[in-house]
C-alpha cells in the first residue's frame, strides 16, 4: 500500500493516521498491511486510529504499491580497487547472482566509500521503487541498518550476523545465513596445536566488523579449550599492504609467533613477501594459515594451508531467503557447517 501522505478529496491519508496514532508512517504501513516490523501493541494502536478516522485503502495506490521492481539491492562499503582482488566478495556476488538469475530478478550493486551513505541509498531505492529488498553484509558495532530497514519498510537478509547478540542489536524481521565461526576457529587452533605451536597470532580484518568480533570470540574460546596456546590479534583493513605492515610488526617482536593466521587469502599471500624481505622462511620460521581458500593460496610458494569455505553458497542461500521474505514467506535463520581445513606446504611444527 502506498500513499502520498496528503489528503485528497477528503480521503484520510497514512500521514493523518500516523499523527493520530503517534507513530511513523512506515509503522502505519506495516500495521495496515499485516507485515512484520511493528509490535502488536503498535499494530493495535494504528488499527484503532485508522478506524476512528474512517481510513479506507486507496485501491489504485495499493495496486501500484504491490508492483514489483524485480530487483534486489546490495550496497558495499568497498573501493572498486579492493573488489578486484577480494576473492570472497567475487564468490559472494556470484552466489547472489546465481539465485537471482534463476528467479529473473536483477541485482542492483552500489559501492560507497562512507558507511553513512548506505542509509541514503536505501531510502532513495525505496522512494523510487528501484528494489524489492536488500542484502546486507559486513554488520558492525552499533549498526543502524537493521533498524533503519525495518523503519523504511524494505525486506532484508544478512550474509552472516546470526550471532548478533555479540553486538547488542537484534535482527528481528530480517533473515540471515551465517557460518559456523566457532567450529572453523577450533579446527585451525587444534591443528596448529597438534603441530606443537604455542603462539598463534592472528592478522584480522577491521575491528568494527561484527564477524571480526565473532572470530575473536571463537579463537579465544578455541585457544582456551585446546590449552597451551597464546592467542592475540592485530587489526587491518583486509588489504595486502596493511596485512604486510601487521605481519612485520608481529615478526619483529622479541618473541615472535610461530604461527600466523590471516582473515583472508590476500593478506596470507602477502605475508610470504614479508618473510622474504626479512630473511625468513615459511614454514621453517613461522607457519601461515588463511581463513579463506582460493586459487591464490594454491599458486604461491609455498602453497598456503587454508580453510575451504562456501561464500557462494552462503550468498546464494541469503538471496533465496530474501526472495522468500519478499514473497511474504517470513524470515529465515540458517547456520552453515564449519569450513574444511586443507593442509598444504605453509605449515609445519615450529623449530623452537
C-alpha atoms as a PDB file:
ATOM      1  CA  UNK A   1       0.000   0.000   0.000  1.00  0.00           C
ATOM      2  CA  UNK A   2       1.267   3.443  -0.859  1.00  0.00           C
ATOM      3  CA  UNK A   3       0.126   6.946  -0.152  1.00  0.00           C
ATOM      4  CA  UNK A   4       1.425  10.377  -0.905  1.00  0.00           C
ATOM      5  CA  UNK A   5       0.919  11.456   2.706  1.00  0.00           C
ATOM      6  CA  UNK A   6      -1.514  14.243   1.630  1.00  0.00           C
ATOM      7  CA  UNK A   7      -5.286  14.330   1.880  1.00  0.00           C
ATOM      8  CA  UNK A   8      -7.028  14.277  -1.494  1.00  0.00           C
ATOM      9  CA  UNK A   9     -10.754  14.764  -1.942  1.00  0.00           C
ATOM     10  CA  UNK A  10     -11.406  14.274   1.756  1.00  0.00           C
ATOM     11  CA  UNK A  11      -9.650  10.895   1.882  1.00  0.00           C
ATOM     12  CA  UNK A  12      -7.857  10.087   5.159  1.00  0.00           C
ATOM     13  CA  UNK A  13      -4.154   9.524   4.476  1.00  0.00           C
ATOM     14  CA  UNK A  14      -1.458   7.416   6.103  1.00  0.00           C
ATOM     15  CA  UNK A  15       0.159  10.586   7.412  1.00  0.00           C
ATOM     16  CA  UNK A  16      -3.021  11.510   9.288  1.00  0.00           C
ATOM     17  CA  UNK A  17      -3.286   8.023  10.760  1.00  0.00           C
ATOM     18  CA  UNK A  18       0.377   8.197  11.824  1.00  0.00           C
ATOM     19  CA  UNK A  19      -0.097  11.546  13.569  1.00  0.00           C
ATOM     20  CA  UNK A  20      -3.280  10.338  15.282  1.00  0.00           C
ATOM     21  CA  UNK A  21      -1.578   7.140  16.491  1.00  0.00           C
ATOM     22  CA  UNK A  22       1.698   8.856  17.403  1.00  0.00           C
ATOM     23  CA  UNK A  23       3.846   6.577  15.216  1.00  0.00           C
ATOM     24  CA  UNK A  24       5.798   6.816  11.958  1.00  0.00           C
ATOM     25  CA  UNK A  25       4.210   6.472   8.519  1.00  0.00           C
ATOM     26  CA  UNK A  26       6.307   3.343   7.959  1.00  0.00           C
ATOM     27  CA  UNK A  27       4.840   1.792  11.122  1.00  0.00           C
ATOM     28  CA  UNK A  28       1.332   2.584   9.832  1.00  0.00           C
ATOM     29  CA  UNK A  29       2.133   0.919   6.514  1.00  0.00           C
ATOM     30  CA  UNK A  30       3.443  -2.189   8.300  1.00  0.00           C
ATOM     31  CA  UNK A  31       0.414  -2.374  10.576  1.00  0.00           C
ATOM     32  CA  UNK A  32      -2.268  -1.799   7.933  1.00  0.00           C
ATOM     33  CA  UNK A  33      -0.711  -4.327   5.571  1.00  0.00           C
ATOM     34  CA  UNK A  34      -0.206  -7.004   8.246  1.00  0.00           C
ATOM     35  CA  UNK A  35       3.564  -7.009   7.752  1.00  0.00           C
ATOM     36  CA  UNK A  36       6.194  -7.752  10.425  1.00  0.00           C
ATOM     37  CA  UNK A  37       8.303  -4.928  11.812  1.00  0.00           C
ATOM     38  CA  UNK A  38       5.969  -3.453  14.452  1.00  0.00           C
ATOM     39  CA  UNK A  39       4.866  -4.719  17.843  1.00  0.00           C
ATOM     40  CA  UNK A  40       1.344  -5.996  18.372  1.00  0.00           C
ATOM     41  CA  UNK A  41       0.718  -3.051  20.682  1.00  0.00           C
ATOM     42  CA  UNK A  42       1.671  -0.594  17.935  1.00  0.00           C
ATOM     43  CA  UNK A  43      -0.375  -2.517  15.370  1.00  0.00           C
ATOM     44  CA  UNK A  44      -3.449  -2.320  17.609  1.00  0.00           C
ATOM     45  CA  UNK A  45      -2.944   1.422  18.155  1.00  0.00           C
ATOM     46  CA  UNK A  46      -2.649   2.030  14.390  1.00  0.00           C
ATOM     47  CA  UNK A  47      -5.746  -0.021  13.592  1.00  0.00           C
ATOM     48  CA  UNK A  48      -7.709   1.836  16.246  1.00  0.00           C
ATOM     49  CA  UNK A  49      -6.581   5.213  14.854  1.00  0.00           C
ATOM     50  CA  UNK A  50      -7.497   4.167  11.308  1.00  0.00           C
ATOM     51  CA  UNK A  51     -10.942   3.097  12.473  1.00  0.00           C
ATOM     52  CA  UNK A  52     -11.512   6.337  14.415  1.00  0.00           C
ATOM     53  CA  UNK A  53     -10.531   8.473  11.411  1.00  0.00           C
ATOM     54  CA  UNK A  54     -12.522   6.397   8.950  1.00  0.00           C
ATOM     55  CA  UNK A  55      -9.496   5.438   6.898  1.00  0.00           C
ATOM     56  CA  UNK A  56     -10.108   3.319   3.789  1.00  0.00           C
ATOM     57  CA  UNK A  57      -7.454   1.929   1.414  1.00  0.00           C
ATOM     58  CA  UNK A  58      -6.838   3.657  -1.888  1.00  0.00           C
ATOM     59  CA  UNK A  59      -7.303   0.761  -4.295  1.00  0.00           C
ATOM     60  CA  UNK A  60      -5.362   2.414  -7.114  1.00  0.00           C
ATOM     61  CA  UNK A  61      -2.464   3.224  -4.787  1.00  0.00           C
ATOM     62  CA  UNK A  62      -2.481  -0.279  -3.348  1.00  0.00           C
ATOM     63  CA  UNK A  63      -2.310  -1.764  -6.836  1.00  0.00           C
ATOM     64  CA  UNK A  64       0.636   0.469  -7.636  1.00  0.00           C
ATOM     65  CA  UNK A  65       2.262  -0.275  -4.293  1.00  0.00           C
ATOM     66  CA  UNK A  66       2.246  -4.029  -4.828  1.00  0.00           C
ATOM     67  CA  UNK A  67       4.037  -3.746  -8.181  1.00  0.00           C
ATOM     68  CA  UNK A  68       7.444  -5.422  -8.012  1.00  0.00           C
ATOM     69  CA  UNK A  69      10.701  -3.906  -9.151  1.00  0.00           C
ATOM     70  CA  UNK A  70      12.040  -7.438  -9.730  1.00  0.00           C
ATOM     71  CA  UNK A  71      15.362  -6.252  -8.364  1.00  0.00           C
ATOM     72  CA  UNK A  72      17.382  -6.704  -5.176  1.00  0.00           C
ATOM     73  CA  UNK A  73      19.878  -4.169  -3.862  1.00  0.00           C
ATOM     74  CA  UNK A  74      23.341  -4.623  -2.363  1.00  0.00           C
ATOM     75  CA  UNK A  75      25.379  -1.705  -1.003  1.00  0.00           C
ATOM     76  CA  UNK A  76      29.056  -2.376  -0.309  1.00  0.00           C
ATOM     77  CA  UNK A  77      31.437  -0.100   1.562  1.00  0.00           C
ATOM     78  CA  UNK A  78      34.364  -1.036  -0.638  1.00  0.00           C
ATOM     79  CA  UNK A  79      36.566   0.942  -3.040  1.00  0.00           C
ATOM     80  CA  UNK A  80      36.452  -0.664  -6.512  1.00  0.00           C
ATOM     81  CA  UNK A  81      40.191  -1.466  -6.437  1.00  0.00           C
ATOM     82  CA  UNK A  82      39.668  -3.674  -3.366  1.00  0.00           C
ATOM     83  CA  UNK A  83      36.836  -5.570  -5.024  1.00  0.00           C
ATOM     84  CA  UNK A  84      39.146  -6.619  -7.856  1.00  0.00           C
ATOM     85  CA  UNK A  85      41.457  -8.638  -5.570  1.00  0.00           C
ATOM     86  CA  UNK A  86      38.941  -9.812  -2.940  1.00  0.00           C
ATOM     87  CA  UNK A  87      38.033 -13.384  -3.861  1.00  0.00           C
ATOM     88  CA  UNK A  88      35.480 -13.657  -1.049  1.00  0.00           C
ATOM     89  CA  UNK A  89      33.334 -10.888  -2.487  1.00  0.00           C
ATOM     90  CA  UNK A  90      33.733 -12.214  -6.013  1.00  0.00           C
ATOM     91  CA  UNK A  91      32.377 -15.568  -4.859  1.00  0.00           C
ATOM     92  CA  UNK A  92      29.695 -13.860  -2.778  1.00  0.00           C
ATOM     93  CA  UNK A  93      28.428 -11.885  -5.764  1.00  0.00           C
ATOM     94  CA  UNK A  94      28.406 -14.997  -7.945  1.00  0.00           C
ATOM     95  CA  UNK A  95      26.237 -16.780  -5.363  1.00  0.00           C
ATOM     96  CA  UNK A  96      23.759 -13.904  -5.154  1.00  0.00           C
ATOM     97  CA  UNK A  97      23.554 -13.669  -8.951  1.00  0.00           C
ATOM     98  CA  UNK A  98      23.030 -17.432  -9.312  1.00  0.00           C
ATOM     99  CA  UNK A  99      19.880 -17.372  -7.172  1.00  0.00           C
ATOM    100  CA  UNK A 100      18.543 -14.115  -8.593  1.00  0.00           C
ATOM    101  CA  UNK A 101      19.064 -15.247 -12.187  1.00  0.00           C
ATOM    102  CA  UNK A 102      17.026 -18.387 -11.550  1.00  0.00           C
ATOM    103  CA  UNK A 103      14.158 -16.140 -10.481  1.00  0.00           C
ATOM    104  CA  UNK A 104      14.570 -13.450 -13.175  1.00  0.00           C
ATOM    105  CA  UNK A 105      15.470 -10.871 -10.528  1.00  0.00           C
ATOM    106  CA  UNK A 106      18.143  -8.230 -11.170  1.00  0.00           C
ATOM    107  CA  UNK A 107      20.913  -7.221  -8.767  1.00  0.00           C
ATOM    108  CA  UNK A 108      21.454  -3.502  -8.184  1.00  0.00           C
ATOM    109  CA  UNK A 109      25.002  -3.101  -6.832  1.00  0.00           C
ATOM    110  CA  UNK A 110      26.121   0.202  -5.328  1.00  0.00           C
ATOM    111  CA  UNK A 111      29.600   0.924  -3.940  1.00  0.00           C
ATOM    112  CA  UNK A 112      30.096   3.692  -1.371  1.00  0.00           C
ATOM    113  CA  UNK A 113      33.193   4.988   0.389  1.00  0.00           C
ATOM    114  CA  UNK A 114      31.402   6.123   3.552  1.00  0.00           C
ATOM    115  CA  UNK A 115      29.299   3.718   5.615  1.00  0.00           C
ATOM    116  CA  UNK A 116      26.840   6.510   6.493  1.00  0.00           C
ATOM    117  CA  UNK A 117      25.902   6.776   2.798  1.00  0.00           C
ATOM    118  CA  UNK A 118      24.288   3.327   2.805  1.00  0.00           C
ATOM    119  CA  UNK A 119      21.126   4.569   4.539  1.00  0.00           C
ATOM    120  CA  UNK A 120      20.678   7.337   1.957  1.00  0.00           C
ATOM    121  CA  UNK A 121      20.947   4.744  -0.802  1.00  0.00           C
ATOM    122  CA  UNK A 122      18.298   2.556   0.841  1.00  0.00           C
ATOM    123  CA  UNK A 123      15.901   5.494   1.164  1.00  0.00           C
ATOM    124  CA  UNK A 124      16.389   6.501  -2.482  1.00  0.00           C
ATOM    125  CA  UNK A 125      15.794   2.946  -3.594  1.00  0.00           C
ATOM    126  CA  UNK A 126      12.628   2.716  -1.523  1.00  0.00           C
ATOM    127  CA  UNK A 127      11.228   6.067  -2.679  1.00  0.00           C
ATOM    128  CA  UNK A 128      11.968   5.275  -6.317  1.00  0.00           C
ATOM    129  CA  UNK A 129      10.755   1.648  -6.086  1.00  0.00           C
ATOM    130  CA  UNK A 130      14.099   0.551  -7.516  1.00  0.00           C
ATOM    131  CA  UNK A 131      14.380  -2.650  -5.431  1.00  0.00           C
ATOM    132  CA  UNK A 132      12.052  -5.038  -3.592  1.00  0.00           C
ATOM    133  CA  UNK A 133      14.547  -5.782  -0.829  1.00  0.00           C
ATOM    134  CA  UNK A 134      18.226  -5.615   0.074  1.00  0.00           C
ATOM    135  CA  UNK A 135      21.076  -7.900   1.089  1.00  0.00           C
ATOM    136  CA  UNK A 136      23.311  -6.754   3.952  1.00  0.00           C
ATOM    137  CA  UNK A 137      26.882  -7.734   4.616  1.00  0.00           C
ATOM    138  CA  UNK A 138      29.640  -6.580   6.985  1.00  0.00           C
ATOM    139  CA  UNK A 139      27.490  -5.846  10.034  1.00  0.00           C
ATOM    140  CA  UNK A 140      29.357  -3.675  12.544  1.00  0.00           C
ATOM    141  CA  UNK A 141      29.187  -2.305  16.094  1.00  0.00           C
ATOM    142  CA  UNK A 142      26.051  -0.214  16.587  1.00  0.00           C
ATOM    143  CA  UNK A 143      24.992  -0.934  13.005  1.00  0.00           C
ATOM    144  CA  UNK A 144      21.952   1.266  12.230  1.00  0.00           C
ATOM    145  CA  UNK A 145      20.916  -0.626   9.094  1.00  0.00           C
ATOM    146  CA  UNK A 146      18.665  -3.365  10.550  1.00  0.00           C
ATOM    147  CA  UNK A 147      16.525  -0.850  12.454  1.00  0.00           C
ATOM    148  CA  UNK A 148      16.537   1.622   9.557  1.00  0.00           C
ATOM    149  CA  UNK A 149      15.388  -1.003   7.072  1.00  0.00           C
ATOM    150  CA  UNK A 150      12.550  -2.032   9.364  1.00  0.00           C
ATOM    151  CA  UNK A 151      11.534   1.628   9.593  1.00  0.00           C
ATOM    152  CA  UNK A 152      11.854   2.204   5.843  1.00  0.00           C
ATOM    153  CA  UNK A 153       9.912  -0.952   5.091  1.00  0.00           C
ATOM    154  CA  UNK A 154      12.418  -2.784   2.892  1.00  0.00           C
ATOM    155  CA  UNK A 155      12.737  -6.559   3.404  1.00  0.00           C
ATOM    156  CA  UNK A 156      16.337  -7.544   4.089  1.00  0.00           C
ATOM    157  CA  UNK A 157      18.566 -10.580   4.535  1.00  0.00           C
ATOM    158  CA  UNK A 158      22.054 -10.655   6.059  1.00  0.00           C
ATOM    159  CA  UNK A 159      25.097 -12.607   4.900  1.00  0.00           C
ATOM    160  CA  UNK A 160      26.431 -13.592   8.324  1.00  0.00           C
ATOM    161  CA  UNK A 161      25.420 -11.849  11.523  1.00  0.00           C
ATOM    162  CA  UNK A 162      23.417 -14.688  13.000  1.00  0.00           C
ATOM    163  CA  UNK A 163      25.194 -14.304  16.351  1.00  0.00           C
ATOM    164  CA  UNK A 164      24.124 -10.673  16.582  1.00  0.00           C
ATOM    165  CA  UNK A 165      23.837 -10.848  20.361  1.00  0.00           C
ATOM    166  CA  UNK A 166      27.574 -10.080  20.472  1.00  0.00           C
ATOM    167  CA  UNK A 167      26.764  -6.512  19.492  1.00  0.00           C
ATOM    168  CA  UNK A 168      23.553  -5.916  21.393  1.00  0.00           C
ATOM    169  CA  UNK A 169      21.252  -5.255  18.439  1.00  0.00           C
ATOM    170  CA  UNK A 170      18.690  -7.639  17.003  1.00  0.00           C
ATOM    171  CA  UNK A 171      17.853  -8.799  13.505  1.00  0.00           C
ATOM    172  CA  UNK A 172      14.108  -9.096  14.153  1.00  0.00           C
ATOM    173  CA  UNK A 173      12.277  -9.220  10.848  1.00  0.00           C
ATOM    174  CA  UNK A 174      15.472  -9.857   8.863  1.00  0.00           C
ATOM    175  CA  UNK A 175      16.726 -13.181   7.546  1.00  0.00           C
ATOM    176  CA  UNK A 176      20.330 -14.342   7.960  1.00  0.00           C
ATOM    177  CA  UNK A 177      22.625 -17.098   6.718  1.00  0.00           C
ATOM    178  CA  UNK A 178      25.668 -17.456   8.953  1.00  0.00           C
ATOM    179  CA  UNK A 179      28.734 -19.709   9.028  1.00  0.00           C
ATOM    180  CA  UNK A 180      29.925 -21.790  11.979  1.00  0.00           C
ATOM    181  CA  UNK A 181      32.714 -19.442  13.034  1.00  0.00           C
ATOM    182  CA  UNK A 182      33.393 -21.286  16.280  1.00  0.00           C
ATOM    183  CA  UNK A 183      33.832 -24.621  14.524  1.00  0.00           C
ATOM    184  CA  UNK A 184      36.205 -23.167  11.930  1.00  0.00           C
ATOM    185  CA  UNK A 185      38.385 -21.415  14.523  1.00  0.00           C
ATOM    186  CA  UNK A 186      38.543 -24.585  16.618  1.00  0.00           C
ATOM    187  CA  UNK A 187      39.707 -26.597  13.605  1.00  0.00           C
ATOM    188  CA  UNK A 188      42.540 -24.121  12.904  1.00  0.00           C
ATOM    189  CA  UNK A 189      43.731 -23.830  16.510  1.00  0.00           C
ATOM    190  CA  UNK A 190      43.511 -27.585  17.132  1.00  0.00           C
ATOM    191  CA  UNK A 191      45.543 -28.307  14.005  1.00  0.00           C
ATOM    192  CA  UNK A 192      48.277 -25.818  14.911  1.00  0.00           C
ATOM    193  CA  UNK A 193      48.388 -27.034  18.499  1.00  0.00           C
ATOM    194  CA  UNK A 194      48.770 -30.599  17.237  1.00  0.00           C
ATOM    195  CA  UNK A 195      51.857 -29.352  15.366  1.00  0.00           C
ATOM    196  CA  UNK A 196      53.100 -28.076  18.780  1.00  0.00           C
ATOM    197  CA  UNK A 197      52.594 -24.354  18.078  1.00  0.00           C
ATOM    198  CA  UNK A 198      52.108 -22.354  21.278  1.00  0.00           C
ATOM    199  CA  UNK A 199      51.980 -18.778  19.939  1.00  0.00           C
ATOM    200  CA  UNK A 200      49.204 -18.399  17.372  1.00  0.00           C
ATOM    201  CA  UNK A 201      48.717 -14.756  16.379  1.00  0.00           C
ATOM    202  CA  UNK A 202      46.019 -13.525  14.029  1.00  0.00           C
ATOM    203  CA  UNK A 203      46.081 -10.773  11.410  1.00  0.00           C
ATOM    204  CA  UNK A 204      42.413  -9.837  11.436  1.00  0.00           C
ATOM    205  CA  UNK A 205      40.126  -7.583   9.427  1.00  0.00           C
ATOM    206  CA  UNK A 206      38.611  -4.302  10.664  1.00  0.00           C
ATOM    207  CA  UNK A 207      37.898  -4.323  14.402  1.00  0.00           C
ATOM    208  CA  UNK A 208      34.488  -2.671  13.952  1.00  0.00           C
ATOM    209  CA  UNK A 209      33.036  -5.505  11.862  1.00  0.00           C
ATOM    210  CA  UNK A 210      30.778  -7.953  13.668  1.00  0.00           C
ATOM    211  CA  UNK A 211      32.317 -11.004  12.017  1.00  0.00           C
ATOM    212  CA  UNK A 212      35.748  -9.852  13.250  1.00  0.00           C
ATOM    213  CA  UNK A 213      34.324  -9.762  16.774  1.00  0.00           C
ATOM    214  CA  UNK A 214      32.794 -13.204  16.222  1.00  0.00           C
ATOM    215  CA  UNK A 215      36.140 -14.608  15.122  1.00  0.00           C
ATOM    216  CA  UNK A 216      37.888 -13.012  18.116  1.00  0.00           C
ATOM    217  CA  UNK A 217      35.492 -14.767  20.450  1.00  0.00           C
ATOM    218  CA  UNK A 218      35.816 -18.028  18.508  1.00  0.00           C
ATOM    219  CA  UNK A 219      39.639 -18.055  18.525  1.00  0.00           C
ATOM    220  CA  UNK A 220      39.801 -17.085  22.195  1.00  0.00           C
ATOM    221  CA  UNK A 221      37.399 -19.887  23.087  1.00  0.00           C
ATOM    222  CA  UNK A 222      39.284 -22.401  20.918  1.00  0.00           C
ATOM    223  CA  UNK A 223      42.643 -21.479  22.471  1.00  0.00           C
ATOM    224  CA  UNK A 224      41.193 -21.953  25.950  1.00  0.00           C
ATOM    225  CA  UNK A 225      39.602 -25.274  25.005  1.00  0.00           C
ATOM    226  CA  UNK A 226      42.745 -26.679  23.384  1.00  0.00           C
ATOM    227  CA  UNK A 227      45.061 -25.332  26.086  1.00  0.00           C
ATOM    228  CA  UNK A 228      48.658 -24.154  25.974  1.00  0.00           C
ATOM    229  CA  UNK A 229      48.086 -21.603  23.187  1.00  0.00           C
ATOM    230  CA  UNK A 230      48.894 -17.889  23.418  1.00  0.00           C
ATOM    231  CA  UNK A 231      46.435 -16.138  21.080  1.00  0.00           C
ATOM    232  CA  UNK A 232      46.284 -12.449  20.196  1.00  0.00           C
ATOM    233  CA  UNK A 233      45.086 -10.395  17.215  1.00  0.00           C
ATOM    234  CA  UNK A 234      46.007  -7.235  15.326  1.00  0.00           C
ATOM    235  CA  UNK A 235      43.537  -5.475  13.038  1.00  0.00           C
ATOM    236  CA  UNK A 236      43.823  -4.334   9.430  1.00  0.00           C
ATOM    237  CA  UNK A 237      41.710  -3.110   6.528  1.00  0.00           C
ATOM    238  CA  UNK A 238      41.961  -6.509   4.763  1.00  0.00           C
ATOM    239  CA  UNK A 239      44.355  -5.074   2.161  1.00  0.00           C
ATOM    240  CA  UNK A 240      47.706  -6.588   1.171  1.00  0.00           C
ATOM    241  CA  UNK A 241      49.721  -3.537   2.266  1.00  0.00           C
ATOM    242  CA  UNK A 242      48.064  -3.334   5.677  1.00  0.00           C
ATOM    243  CA  UNK A 243      48.443  -7.083   6.120  1.00  0.00           C
ATOM    244  CA  UNK A 244      52.153  -6.800   5.361  1.00  0.00           C
ATOM    245  CA  UNK A 245      52.528  -3.995   7.911  1.00  0.00           C
ATOM    246  CA  UNK A 246      50.857  -6.107  10.606  1.00  0.00           C
ATOM    247  CA  UNK A 247      52.976  -9.127   9.678  1.00  0.00           C
ATOM    248  CA  UNK A 248      56.213  -7.127  10.016  1.00  0.00           C
ATOM    249  CA  UNK A 249      55.154  -5.843  13.428  1.00  0.00           C
ATOM    250  CA  UNK A 250      54.374  -9.322  14.734  1.00  0.00           C
ATOM    251  CA  UNK A 251      57.521 -10.910  13.336  1.00  0.00           C
ATOM    252  CA  UNK A 252      59.617  -8.103  14.849  1.00  0.00           C
ATOM    253  CA  UNK A 253      58.508  -8.861  18.402  1.00  0.00           C
ATOM    254  CA  UNK A 254      61.129 -10.026  20.890  1.00  0.00           C
ATOM    255  CA  UNK A 255      59.332 -13.385  20.867  1.00  0.00           C
ATOM    256  CA  UNK A 256      57.566 -13.592  17.522  1.00  0.00           C
ATOM    257  CA  UNK A 257      54.714 -16.048  16.931  1.00  0.00           C
ATOM    258  CA  UNK A 258      55.446 -19.446  15.463  1.00  0.00           C
ATOM    259  CA  UNK A 259      52.152 -19.408  13.538  1.00  0.00           C
ATOM    260  CA  UNK A 260      50.166 -16.611  11.875  1.00  0.00           C
ATOM    261  CA  UNK A 261      46.552 -16.961  10.807  1.00  0.00           C
ATOM    262  CA  UNK A 262      45.064 -14.423   8.408  1.00  0.00           C
ATOM    263  CA  UNK A 263      41.454 -13.370   7.953  1.00  0.00           C
ATOM    264  CA  UNK A 264      41.737 -13.558   4.178  1.00  0.00           C
ATOM    265  CA  UNK A 265      43.821 -15.095   1.427  1.00  0.00           C
ATOM    266  CA  UNK A 266      45.274 -11.823   0.142  1.00  0.00           C
ATOM    267  CA  UNK A 267      46.993 -10.977   3.432  1.00  0.00           C
ATOM    268  CA  UNK A 268      48.195 -14.559   3.859  1.00  0.00           C
ATOM    269  CA  UNK A 269      49.851 -14.465   0.433  1.00  0.00           C
ATOM    270  CA  UNK A 270      51.337 -11.024   1.144  1.00  0.00           C
ATOM    271  CA  UNK A 271      52.960 -12.389   4.316  1.00  0.00           C
ATOM    272  CA  UNK A 272      55.227 -14.550   2.155  1.00  0.00           C
ATOM    273  CA  UNK A 273      56.731 -11.397   0.644  1.00  0.00           C
ATOM    274  CA  UNK A 274      57.360 -10.034   4.148  1.00  0.00           C
ATOM    275  CA  UNK A 275      59.095 -13.273   5.105  1.00  0.00           C
ATOM    276  CA  UNK A 276      61.380 -12.980   2.088  1.00  0.00           C
ATOM    277  CA  UNK A 277      62.196  -9.333   2.862  1.00  0.00           C
ATOM    278  CA  UNK A 278      63.035 -10.187   6.488  1.00  0.00           C
ATOM    279  CA  UNK A 279      65.239 -13.127   5.528  1.00  0.00           C
ATOM    280  CA  UNK A 280      62.768 -15.624   6.986  1.00  0.00           C
ATOM    281  CA  UNK A 281      61.271 -18.775   5.564  1.00  0.00           C
ATOM    282  CA  UNK A 282      57.740 -20.204   5.575  1.00  0.00           C
ATOM    283  CA  UNK A 283      57.174 -22.687   7.126  1.00  0.00           C
ATOM    284  CA  UNK A 284      60.649 -23.066   8.683  1.00  0.00           C
ATOM    285  CA  UNK A 285      60.493 -19.851  10.718  1.00  0.00           C
ATOM    286  CA  UNK A 286      56.717 -19.494  11.034  1.00  0.00           C
ATOM    287  CA  UNK A 287      53.626 -21.226   9.711  1.00  0.00           C
ATOM    288  CA  UNK A 288      50.867 -19.486   7.755  1.00  0.00           C
ATOM    289  CA  UNK A 289      47.132 -20.296   7.628  1.00  0.00           C
ATOM    290  CA  UNK A 290      44.448 -18.414   5.664  1.00  0.00           C
ATOM    291  CA  UNK A 291      40.815 -18.311   6.787  1.00  0.00           C
ATOM    292  CA  UNK A 292      39.678 -18.176   3.137  1.00  0.00           C
ATOM    293  CA  UNK A 293      40.930 -20.556   0.473  1.00  0.00           C
ATOM    294  CA  UNK A 294      41.270 -19.527  -3.164  1.00  0.00           C
ATOM    295  CA  UNK A 295      43.427 -20.112  -6.242  1.00  0.00           C
ATOM    296  CA  UNK A 296      45.834 -17.563  -4.763  1.00  0.00           C
ATOM    297  CA  UNK A 297      46.629 -19.911  -1.878  1.00  0.00           C
ATOM    298  CA  UNK A 298      47.491 -22.669  -4.334  1.00  0.00           C
ATOM    299  CA  UNK A 299      49.797 -20.745  -6.683  1.00  0.00           C
ATOM    300  CA  UNK A 300      52.101 -19.261  -4.026  1.00  0.00           C
ATOM    301  CA  UNK A 301      55.386 -20.831  -2.992  1.00  0.00           C
ATOM    302  CA  UNK A 302      54.854 -22.457  -0.604  1.00  0.00           C
ATOM    303  CA  UNK A 303      51.185 -23.270  -1.116  1.00  0.00           C
ATOM    304  CA  UNK A 304      49.139 -21.946   1.804  1.00  0.00           C
ATOM    305  CA  UNK A 305      47.177 -24.045   4.280  1.00  0.00           C
ATOM    306  CA  UNK A 306      43.659 -22.614   4.206  1.00  0.00           C
ATOM    307  CA  UNK A 307      40.039 -23.100   5.179  1.00  0.00           C
ATOM    308  CA  UNK A 308      37.796 -24.070   2.282  1.00  0.00           C
ATOM    309  CA  UNK A 309      34.552 -22.194   2.801  1.00  0.00           C
ATOM    310  CA  UNK A 310      31.449 -21.743   0.684  1.00  0.00           C
ATOM    311  CA  UNK A 311      30.832 -17.982   0.354  1.00  0.00           C
ATOM    312  CA  UNK A 312      28.978 -18.532  -2.924  1.00  0.00           C
ATOM    313  CA  UNK A 313      26.575 -20.977  -1.272  1.00  0.00           C
ATOM    314  CA  UNK A 314      26.123 -18.728   1.754  1.00  0.00           C
ATOM    315  CA  UNK A 315      25.307 -15.784  -0.503  1.00  0.00           C
ATOM    316  CA  UNK A 316      23.022 -17.899  -2.678  1.00  0.00           C
ATOM    317  CA  UNK A 317      21.034 -19.053   0.350  1.00  0.00           C
ATOM    318  CA  UNK A 318      20.856 -15.470   1.615  1.00  0.00           C
ATOM    319  CA  UNK A 319      19.417 -14.305  -1.702  1.00  0.00           C
ATOM    320  CA  UNK A 320      16.919 -17.170  -1.555  1.00  0.00           C
ATOM    321  CA  UNK A 321      15.911 -16.175   1.979  1.00  0.00           C
ATOM    322  CA  UNK A 322      15.390 -12.580   0.850  1.00  0.00           C
ATOM    323  CA  UNK A 323      13.190 -13.627  -2.075  1.00  0.00           C
ATOM    324  CA  UNK A 324      11.168 -15.756   0.333  1.00  0.00           C
ATOM    325  CA  UNK A 325      10.669 -12.750   2.614  1.00  0.00           C
ATOM    326  CA  UNK A 326       9.718 -10.509  -0.310  1.00  0.00           C
ATOM    327  CA  UNK A 327       7.102 -13.093  -1.260  1.00  0.00           C
ATOM    328  CA  UNK A 328       5.621 -12.958   2.236  1.00  0.00           C
ATOM    329  CA  UNK A 329       7.219 -16.163   3.492  1.00  0.00           C
ATOM    330  CA  UNK A 330       8.708 -14.753   6.698  1.00  0.00           C
ATOM    331  CA  UNK A 331      12.286 -14.710   7.941  1.00  0.00           C
ATOM    332  CA  UNK A 332      14.920 -17.450   7.612  1.00  0.00           C
ATOM    333  CA  UNK A 333      17.746 -18.368  10.007  1.00  0.00           C
ATOM    334  CA  UNK A 334      20.457 -20.728   8.731  1.00  0.00           C
ATOM    335  CA  UNK A 335      23.941 -21.653  10.010  1.00  0.00           C
ATOM    336  CA  UNK A 336      26.267 -23.500   7.616  1.00  0.00           C
ATOM    337  CA  UNK A 337      28.752 -26.164   8.805  1.00  0.00           C
ATOM    338  CA  UNK A 338      32.379 -25.173   9.601  1.00  0.00           C
ATOM    339  CA  UNK A 339      34.809 -24.736   6.736  1.00  0.00           C
ATOM    340  CA  UNK A 340      37.186 -27.563   5.827  1.00  0.00           C
ATOM    341  CA  UNK A 341      40.845 -27.046   6.689  1.00  0.00           C
ATOM    342  CA  UNK A 342      43.079 -28.034   3.772  1.00  0.00           C
ATOM    343  CA  UNK A 343      46.699 -28.519   4.844  1.00  0.00           C
ATOM    344  CA  UNK A 344      49.488 -27.504   2.444  1.00  0.00           C
ATOM    345  CA  UNK A 345      53.167 -26.591   2.498  1.00  0.00           C
ATOM    346  CA  UNK A 346      52.930 -23.411   4.611  1.00  0.00           C
ATOM    347  CA  UNK A 347      52.520 -25.222   7.945  1.00  0.00           C
ATOM    348  CA  UNK A 348      54.858 -27.481   9.911  1.00  0.00           C
ATOM    349  CA  UNK A 349      55.969 -27.959  13.553  1.00  0.00           C
ATOM    350  CA  UNK A 350      57.962 -24.993  14.908  1.00  0.00           C
ATOM    351  CA  UNK A 351      61.750 -25.189  15.232  1.00  0.00           C
ATOM    352  CA  UNK A 352      61.672 -23.726  18.754  1.00  0.00           C
END
